[in-house]
């Protein structure tokens, strides 16, 4: 069964909701990572951004499967 999350009365696939949230977190974390001196070891910034997004998406999905995150948003 595919999990769905209710947001304002609209059912959204859980993977889409977690991916959107992961993209937002990765976008907000991006300036902090670019200020670190690790930039000289990073040969392609886009690859770092993609890896960061994938890590956040995996983490959010794992937390949701462990029932740490709420099954539905408190938005109605």
N, C-alpha and C. Protein backbone atom coordinates (compact mmCIF):
# COMPACT_ATOMS: atom_id res chain seq x y z
N UNK A 1 0.84 -1.18 0.00
CA UNK A 1 0.00 0.00 0.00
C UNK A 1 0.89 1.25 0.00
N UNK A 2 0.53 2.20 -0.77
CA UNK A 2 1.27 3.46 -0.86
C UNK A 2 0.76 4.40 0.23
N UNK A 3 1.69 4.92 1.02
CA UNK A 3 1.32 5.84 2.09
C UNK A 3 0.97 7.20 1.51
N UNK A 4 -0.01 7.83 2.15
CA UNK A 4 -0.42 9.17 1.76
C UNK A 4 -0.51 10.05 2.99
N UNK A 5 -0.29 11.32 2.79
CA UNK A 5 -0.35 12.31 3.87
C UNK A 5 -1.44 13.32 3.51
N UNK A 6 -2.24 13.67 4.49
CA UNK A 6 -3.30 14.63 4.26
C UNK A 6 -2.80 16.03 4.61
N UNK A 7 -2.81 16.93 3.61
CA UNK A 7 -2.40 18.32 3.80
C UNK A 7 -3.55 19.20 3.30
N UNK A 8 -4.17 19.93 4.20
CA UNK A 8 -5.31 20.77 3.88
C UNK A 8 -6.43 20.00 3.18
N UNK A 9 -6.64 18.76 3.59
CA UNK A 9 -7.71 17.95 3.02
C UNK A 9 -7.36 17.29 1.70
N UNK A 10 -6.14 17.45 1.23
CA UNK A 10 -5.70 16.85 -0.02
C UNK A 10 -4.70 15.75 0.31
N UNK A 11 -4.93 14.57 -0.24
CA UNK A 11 -4.02 13.46 -0.01
C UNK A 11 -2.84 13.55 -0.99
N UNK A 12 -1.64 13.56 -0.42
CA UNK A 12 -0.40 13.69 -1.18
C UNK A 12 0.43 12.44 -0.94
N UNK A 13 1.06 11.88 -1.98
CA UNK A 13 1.94 10.72 -1.74
C UNK A 13 3.03 11.09 -0.73
N UNK A 14 3.30 10.18 0.19
CA UNK A 14 4.27 10.45 1.25
C UNK A 14 5.66 10.71 0.67
N UNK A 15 6.03 9.97 -0.36
CA UNK A 15 7.36 10.16 -0.95
C UNK A 15 7.51 11.57 -1.51
N UNK A 16 6.46 12.10 -2.10
CA UNK A 16 6.51 13.47 -2.63
C UNK A 16 6.63 14.49 -1.51
N UNK A 17 5.91 14.28 -0.43
CA UNK A 17 5.98 15.21 0.70
C UNK A 17 7.36 15.19 1.35
N UNK A 18 7.92 14.00 1.56
CA UNK A 18 9.24 13.91 2.18
C UNK A 18 10.32 14.43 1.24
N UNK A 19 10.18 14.21 -0.06
CA UNK A 19 11.16 14.72 -1.02
C UNK A 19 11.12 16.25 -1.06
N UNK A 20 9.94 16.82 -1.00
CA UNK A 20 9.81 18.28 -0.99
C UNK A 20 10.44 18.87 0.27
N UNK A 21 10.18 18.24 1.40
CA UNK A 21 10.76 18.70 2.66
C UNK A 21 12.29 18.54 2.65
N UNK A 22 12.78 17.44 2.09
CA UNK A 22 14.23 17.22 2.00
C UNK A 22 14.87 18.24 1.07
N UNK A 23 14.22 18.58 -0.02
CA UNK A 23 14.76 19.59 -0.93
C UNK A 23 14.82 20.96 -0.25
N UNK A 24 13.82 21.29 0.54
CA UNK A 24 13.82 22.56 1.26
C UNK A 24 14.94 22.60 2.29
N UNK A 25 15.13 21.51 3.04
CA UNK A 25 16.20 21.46 4.04
C UNK A 25 17.57 21.53 3.36
N UNK A 26 17.74 20.81 2.25
CA UNK A 26 19.01 20.84 1.53
C UNK A 26 19.29 22.24 0.97
N UNK A 27 18.25 22.91 0.50
CA UNK A 27 18.41 24.26 -0.03
C UNK A 27 18.82 25.23 1.08
N UNK A 28 18.25 25.05 2.27
CA UNK A 28 18.60 25.93 3.39
C UNK A 28 19.97 25.62 3.97
N UNK A 29 20.42 24.38 3.87
CA UNK A 29 21.74 23.98 4.39
C UNK A 29 22.87 24.31 3.42
N UNK A 30 22.53 24.57 2.19
CA UNK A 30 23.54 24.80 1.15
C UNK A 30 24.50 25.95 1.44
N UNK A 31 24.03 27.14 1.87
CA UNK A 31 24.98 28.23 2.14
C UNK A 31 25.96 27.91 3.27
N UNK A 32 25.51 27.15 4.26
CA UNK A 32 26.40 26.80 5.37
C UNK A 32 27.50 25.86 4.90
N UNK A 33 27.17 24.95 4.02
CA UNK A 33 28.18 24.02 3.51
C UNK A 33 29.18 24.71 2.60
N UNK A 34 28.73 25.70 1.86
CA UNK A 34 29.64 26.40 0.95
C UNK A 34 30.60 27.33 1.68
N UNK A 35 30.29 27.66 2.93
CA UNK A 35 31.20 28.49 3.73
C UNK A 35 32.30 27.69 4.38
N UNK A 36 32.13 26.39 4.46
CA UNK A 36 33.13 25.54 5.09
C UNK A 36 34.37 25.43 4.21
N UNK A 37 35.53 25.17 4.81
CA UNK A 37 36.75 25.04 3.99
C UNK A 37 36.83 23.71 3.24
N UNK A 38 35.76 22.96 3.20
CA UNK A 38 35.74 21.69 2.46
C UNK A 38 35.56 21.91 0.96
N UNK A 39 35.42 23.14 0.56
CA UNK A 39 35.15 23.46 -0.84
C UNK A 39 36.31 23.04 -1.75
N UNK A 40 37.52 23.03 -1.25
CA UNK A 40 38.66 22.64 -2.10
C UNK A 40 38.69 21.14 -2.37
N UNK A 41 38.05 20.34 -1.49
CA UNK A 41 37.97 18.90 -1.72
C UNK A 41 36.76 18.53 -2.57
N UNK A 42 35.83 19.45 -2.70
CA UNK A 42 34.61 19.20 -3.45
C UNK A 42 34.84 19.60 -4.91
N UNK A 43 34.96 18.63 -5.78
CA UNK A 43 35.27 18.92 -7.18
C UNK A 43 34.04 19.29 -7.99
N UNK A 44 32.85 19.00 -7.48
CA UNK A 44 31.63 19.36 -8.20
C UNK A 44 30.54 19.70 -7.19
N UNK A 45 30.21 20.99 -7.02
CA UNK A 45 29.22 21.38 -6.01
C UNK A 45 27.83 20.79 -6.24
N UNK A 46 27.47 20.58 -7.49
CA UNK A 46 26.15 20.01 -7.77
C UNK A 46 26.01 18.58 -7.26
N UNK A 47 27.10 17.85 -7.29
CA UNK A 47 27.09 16.48 -6.78
C UNK A 47 26.92 16.47 -5.27
N UNK A 48 27.54 17.43 -4.60
CA UNK A 48 27.36 17.55 -3.15
C UNK A 48 25.91 17.89 -2.82
N UNK A 49 25.31 18.79 -3.59
CA UNK A 49 23.92 19.15 -3.36
C UNK A 49 22.99 17.95 -3.57
N UNK A 50 23.24 17.17 -4.59
CA UNK A 50 22.43 15.99 -4.86
C UNK A 50 22.59 14.94 -3.76
N UNK A 51 23.81 14.75 -3.30
CA UNK A 51 24.04 13.79 -2.21
C UNK A 51 23.39 14.25 -0.92
N UNK A 52 23.44 15.55 -0.66
CA UNK A 52 22.80 16.10 0.52
C UNK A 52 21.29 15.91 0.47
N UNK A 53 20.69 16.17 -0.69
CA UNK A 53 19.25 15.95 -0.87
C UNK A 53 18.90 14.48 -0.65
N UNK A 54 19.68 13.57 -1.23
CA UNK A 54 19.39 12.14 -1.08
C UNK A 54 19.52 11.70 0.38
N UNK A 55 20.50 12.24 1.08
CA UNK A 55 20.68 11.88 2.49
C UNK A 55 19.51 12.38 3.33
N UNK A 56 19.07 13.60 3.08
CA UNK A 56 17.93 14.14 3.83
C UNK A 56 16.65 13.38 3.50
N UNK A 57 16.45 13.02 2.24
CA UNK A 57 15.25 12.28 1.85
C UNK A 57 15.25 10.90 2.50
N UNK A 58 16.41 10.25 2.48
CA UNK A 58 16.51 8.95 3.13
C UNK A 58 16.23 9.06 4.63
N UNK A 59 16.80 10.08 5.26
CA UNK A 59 16.60 10.26 6.70
C UNK A 59 15.15 10.53 7.06
N UNK A 60 14.50 11.39 6.30
CA UNK A 60 13.09 11.69 6.57
C UNK A 60 12.21 10.47 6.33
N UNK A 61 12.50 9.71 5.29
CA UNK A 61 11.72 8.50 5.01
C UNK A 61 11.91 7.46 6.10
N UNK A 62 13.13 7.34 6.60
CA UNK A 62 13.40 6.40 7.68
C UNK A 62 12.69 6.82 8.96
N UNK A 63 12.70 8.10 9.27
CA UNK A 63 11.99 8.58 10.45
C UNK A 63 10.48 8.38 10.31
N UNK A 64 9.96 8.56 9.12
CA UNK A 64 8.52 8.37 8.90
C UNK A 64 8.15 6.90 9.05
N UNK A 65 9.00 5.99 8.55
CA UNK A 65 8.72 4.56 8.68
C UNK A 65 8.83 4.09 10.12
N UNK A 66 9.65 4.76 10.92
CA UNK A 66 9.81 4.41 12.32
C UNK A 66 8.73 5.07 13.18
N UNK A 67 7.80 5.77 12.55
CA UNK A 67 6.68 6.45 13.21
C UNK A 67 7.14 7.55 14.17
N UNK A 68 8.26 8.17 13.83
CA UNK A 68 8.72 9.33 14.59
C UNK A 68 8.02 10.58 14.08
N UNK A 69 7.83 10.66 12.77
CA UNK A 69 7.12 11.78 12.16
C UNK A 69 5.63 11.47 12.14
N UNK A 70 4.78 12.49 12.25
CA UNK A 70 3.34 12.23 12.30
C UNK A 70 2.81 11.70 10.97
N UNK A 71 1.81 10.80 11.00
CA UNK A 71 1.26 10.26 9.76
C UNK A 71 0.50 11.29 8.93
N UNK A 72 0.03 12.32 9.57
CA UNK A 72 -0.62 13.40 8.81
C UNK A 72 -0.22 14.74 9.43
N UNK A 73 -0.12 15.72 8.60
CA UNK A 73 0.24 17.03 9.07
C UNK A 73 -0.95 17.62 9.82
N UNK A 74 -0.69 18.42 10.84
CA UNK A 74 -1.82 19.01 11.58
C UNK A 74 -2.45 20.20 10.87
N UNK A 75 -2.46 20.17 9.57
CA UNK A 75 -3.05 21.26 8.79
C UNK A 75 -4.42 20.80 8.30
N UNK A 76 -5.42 21.56 8.60
CA UNK A 76 -6.77 21.17 8.15
C UNK A 76 -7.53 22.37 7.65
